[in-house]
Amino acid sequence: MKQYKLKRPFKGYKKGTAFYLIAQSEFIGVKEFVLRTDDLSNRISVNESEFIKYFIFIKKII
């Protein structure tokens, strides 16, 4: 599992909020990412451009 954090505020979440990448999928060239907050209470789904613009990789968790 990979952990990411926000580079800037996004959809009501503050800059620096940690997320786990739960799933990623691609259908006819459209990538979608599903992330959960650090406490696993909230889930968001973003497309590839939003993912690149708002999220930064922190670390890989075993």
N, C-alpha and C. Protein backbone atom coordinates (compact mmCIF):
# COMPACT_ATOMS: atom_id res chain seq x y z
N MET A 1 0.85 -1.17 0.00
CA MET A 1 0.00 0.00 0.00
C MET A 1 0.90 1.24 0.00
N LYS A 2 0.46 2.27 -0.68
CA LYS A 2 1.24 3.51 -0.76
C LYS A 2 0.52 4.63 -0.03
N GLN A 3 1.31 5.50 0.58
CA GLN A 3 0.75 6.63 1.31
C GLN A 3 1.10 7.93 0.57
N TYR A 4 0.10 8.79 0.46
CA TYR A 4 0.24 10.08 -0.21
C TYR A 4 -0.25 11.18 0.72
N LYS A 5 0.13 12.43 0.42
CA LYS A 5 -0.43 13.55 1.16
C LYS A 5 -0.79 14.65 0.18
N LEU A 6 -1.65 15.54 0.63
CA LEU A 6 -2.12 16.63 -0.22
C LEU A 6 -1.07 17.73 -0.33
N LYS A 7 -0.84 18.22 -1.55
CA LYS A 7 0.05 19.35 -1.77
C LYS A 7 -0.64 20.67 -1.46
N ARG A 8 -1.96 20.69 -1.65
CA ARG A 8 -2.77 21.90 -1.43
C ARG A 8 -4.18 21.45 -1.06
N PRO A 9 -5.01 22.35 -0.51
CA PRO A 9 -6.38 21.96 -0.14
C PRO A 9 -7.15 21.37 -1.32
N PHE A 10 -7.98 20.36 -1.02
CA PHE A 10 -8.72 19.66 -2.07
C PHE A 10 -10.01 19.08 -1.48
N LYS A 11 -11.15 19.44 -2.05
CA LYS A 11 -12.47 18.91 -1.68
C LYS A 11 -12.72 18.92 -0.17
N GLY A 12 -12.35 20.01 0.50
CA GLY A 12 -12.60 20.14 1.93
C GLY A 12 -11.52 19.57 2.83
N TYR A 13 -10.51 18.95 2.26
CA TYR A 13 -9.39 18.42 3.04
C TYR A 13 -8.26 19.43 3.05
N LYS A 14 -7.57 19.55 4.18
CA LYS A 14 -6.48 20.52 4.33
C LYS A 14 -5.19 20.01 3.72
N LYS A 15 -4.32 20.95 3.36
CA LYS A 15 -2.99 20.63 2.86
C LYS A 15 -2.28 19.75 3.89
N GLY A 16 -1.60 18.70 3.44
CA GLY A 16 -0.85 17.82 4.32
C GLY A 16 -1.63 16.63 4.84
N THR A 17 -2.93 16.54 4.54
CA THR A 17 -3.73 15.40 4.97
C THR A 17 -3.19 14.14 4.31
N ALA A 18 -3.01 13.08 5.10
CA ALA A 18 -2.46 11.83 4.59
C ALA A 18 -3.56 10.92 4.07
N PHE A 19 -3.27 10.22 2.98
CA PHE A 19 -4.20 9.28 2.35
C PHE A 19 -3.46 8.01 1.98
N TYR A 20 -4.19 6.90 1.98
CA TYR A 20 -3.69 5.64 1.46
C TYR A 20 -4.31 5.38 0.10
N LEU A 21 -3.48 4.96 -0.85
CA LEU A 21 -3.99 4.58 -2.17
C LEU A 21 -4.54 3.17 -2.06
N ILE A 22 -5.85 3.04 -2.19
CA ILE A 22 -6.53 1.76 -2.04
C ILE A 22 -6.62 1.01 -3.36
N ALA A 23 -6.98 1.74 -4.43
CA ALA A 23 -7.13 1.08 -5.73
C ALA A 23 -6.88 2.08 -6.85
N GLN A 24 -6.43 1.56 -7.97
CA GLN A 24 -6.31 2.36 -9.17
C GLN A 24 -6.78 1.51 -10.33
N SER A 25 -7.48 2.15 -11.27
CA SER A 25 -7.99 1.41 -12.41
C SER A 25 -7.85 2.25 -13.67
N GLU A 26 -7.86 1.56 -14.79
CA GLU A 26 -7.79 2.24 -16.08
C GLU A 26 -8.78 1.58 -17.02
N PHE A 27 -9.62 2.42 -17.63
CA PHE A 27 -10.61 1.93 -18.57
C PHE A 27 -10.58 2.82 -19.79
N ILE A 28 -10.17 2.29 -20.92
CA ILE A 28 -10.06 3.02 -22.18
C ILE A 28 -9.25 4.31 -22.00
N GLY A 29 -8.10 4.18 -21.35
CA GLY A 29 -7.19 5.31 -21.21
C GLY A 29 -7.53 6.29 -20.10
N VAL A 30 -8.61 6.08 -19.37
CA VAL A 30 -8.99 6.96 -18.27
C VAL A 30 -8.60 6.29 -16.95
N LYS A 31 -7.67 6.92 -16.22
CA LYS A 31 -7.23 6.35 -14.95
C LYS A 31 -8.03 6.97 -13.81
N GLU A 32 -8.35 6.14 -12.82
CA GLU A 32 -9.08 6.60 -11.65
C GLU A 32 -8.40 6.01 -10.41
N PHE A 33 -8.31 6.81 -9.36
CA PHE A 33 -7.64 6.41 -8.14
C PHE A 33 -8.62 6.54 -6.97
N VAL A 34 -8.62 5.54 -6.09
CA VAL A 34 -9.44 5.56 -4.90
C VAL A 34 -8.50 5.67 -3.70
N LEU A 35 -8.73 6.69 -2.87
CA LEU A 35 -7.89 6.92 -1.71
C LEU A 35 -8.73 6.98 -0.45
N ARG A 36 -8.14 6.60 0.67
CA ARG A 36 -8.79 6.69 1.98
C ARG A 36 -7.92 7.53 2.90
N THR A 37 -8.57 8.27 3.79
CA THR A 37 -7.84 9.08 4.75
C THR A 37 -7.03 8.18 5.67
N ASP A 38 -6.09 8.77 6.38
CA ASP A 38 -5.19 8.05 7.27
C ASP A 38 -5.94 7.20 8.30
N ASP A 39 -7.08 7.69 8.79
CA ASP A 39 -7.87 6.94 9.77
C ASP A 39 -8.90 6.00 9.12
N LEU A 40 -8.89 5.93 7.78
CA LEU A 40 -9.75 5.05 6.97
C LEU A 40 -11.23 5.37 7.08
N SER A 41 -11.59 6.55 7.56
CA SER A 41 -13.00 6.91 7.73
C SER A 41 -13.63 7.50 6.47
N ASN A 42 -12.85 8.14 5.62
CA ASN A 42 -13.39 8.77 4.42
C ASN A 42 -12.71 8.24 3.17
N ARG A 43 -13.47 8.22 2.06
CA ARG A 43 -12.98 7.72 0.78
C ARG A 43 -13.23 8.77 -0.29
N ILE A 44 -12.25 8.96 -1.17
CA ILE A 44 -12.45 9.84 -2.32
C ILE A 44 -11.95 9.13 -3.57
N SER A 45 -12.55 9.48 -4.68
CA SER A 45 -12.16 8.95 -5.98
C SER A 45 -11.76 10.13 -6.85
N VAL A 46 -10.57 10.05 -7.46
CA VAL A 46 -10.07 11.15 -8.28
C VAL A 46 -9.57 10.62 -9.62
N ASN A 47 -9.55 11.49 -10.61
CA ASN A 47 -9.01 11.10 -11.90
C ASN A 47 -7.50 11.36 -11.92
N GLU A 48 -6.84 11.00 -13.00
CA GLU A 48 -5.39 11.09 -13.07
C GLU A 48 -4.88 12.53 -12.96
N SER A 49 -5.53 13.47 -13.60
CA SER A 49 -5.05 14.86 -13.56
C SER A 49 -5.16 15.45 -12.14
N GLU A 50 -6.25 15.14 -11.43
CA GLU A 50 -6.40 15.60 -10.05
C GLU A 50 -5.36 14.92 -9.16
N PHE A 51 -5.11 13.65 -9.40
CA PHE A 51 -4.14 12.91 -8.60
C PHE A 51 -2.75 13.53 -8.73
N ILE A 52 -2.34 13.83 -9.94
CA ILE A 52 -1.02 14.43 -10.19
C ILE A 52 -0.95 15.84 -9.61
N LYS A 53 -2.01 16.60 -9.75
CA LYS A 53 -2.02 18.00 -9.31
C LYS A 53 -2.04 18.16 -7.79
N TYR A 54 -2.77 17.30 -7.08
CA TYR A 54 -2.99 17.51 -5.65
C TYR A 54 -2.24 16.58 -4.71
N PHE A 55 -1.75 15.45 -5.18
CA PHE A 55 -1.16 14.46 -4.27
C PHE A 55 0.33 14.25 -4.52
N ILE A 56 1.05 13.99 -3.43
CA ILE A 56 2.48 13.71 -3.50
C ILE A 56 2.75 12.42 -2.72
N PHE A 57 3.62 11.58 -3.26
CA PHE A 57 3.96 10.31 -2.66
C PHE A 57 4.78 10.53 -1.38
N ILE A 58 4.44 9.78 -0.31
CA ILE A 58 5.19 9.85 0.94
C ILE A 58 6.05 8.60 1.09
N LYS A 59 5.39 7.45 1.17
CA LYS A 59 6.13 6.20 1.37
C LYS A 59 5.30 4.99 1.00
N LYS A 60 6.00 3.87 0.80
CA LYS A 60 5.34 2.60 0.53
C LYS A 60 5.28 1.83 1.84
N ILE A 61 4.10 1.33 2.18
CA ILE A 61 3.89 0.59 3.41
C ILE A 61 3.70 -0.87 3.06
N ILE A 62 4.36 -1.73 3.77
CA ILE A 62 4.30 -3.16 3.49
C ILE A 62 2.95 -3.73 3.88
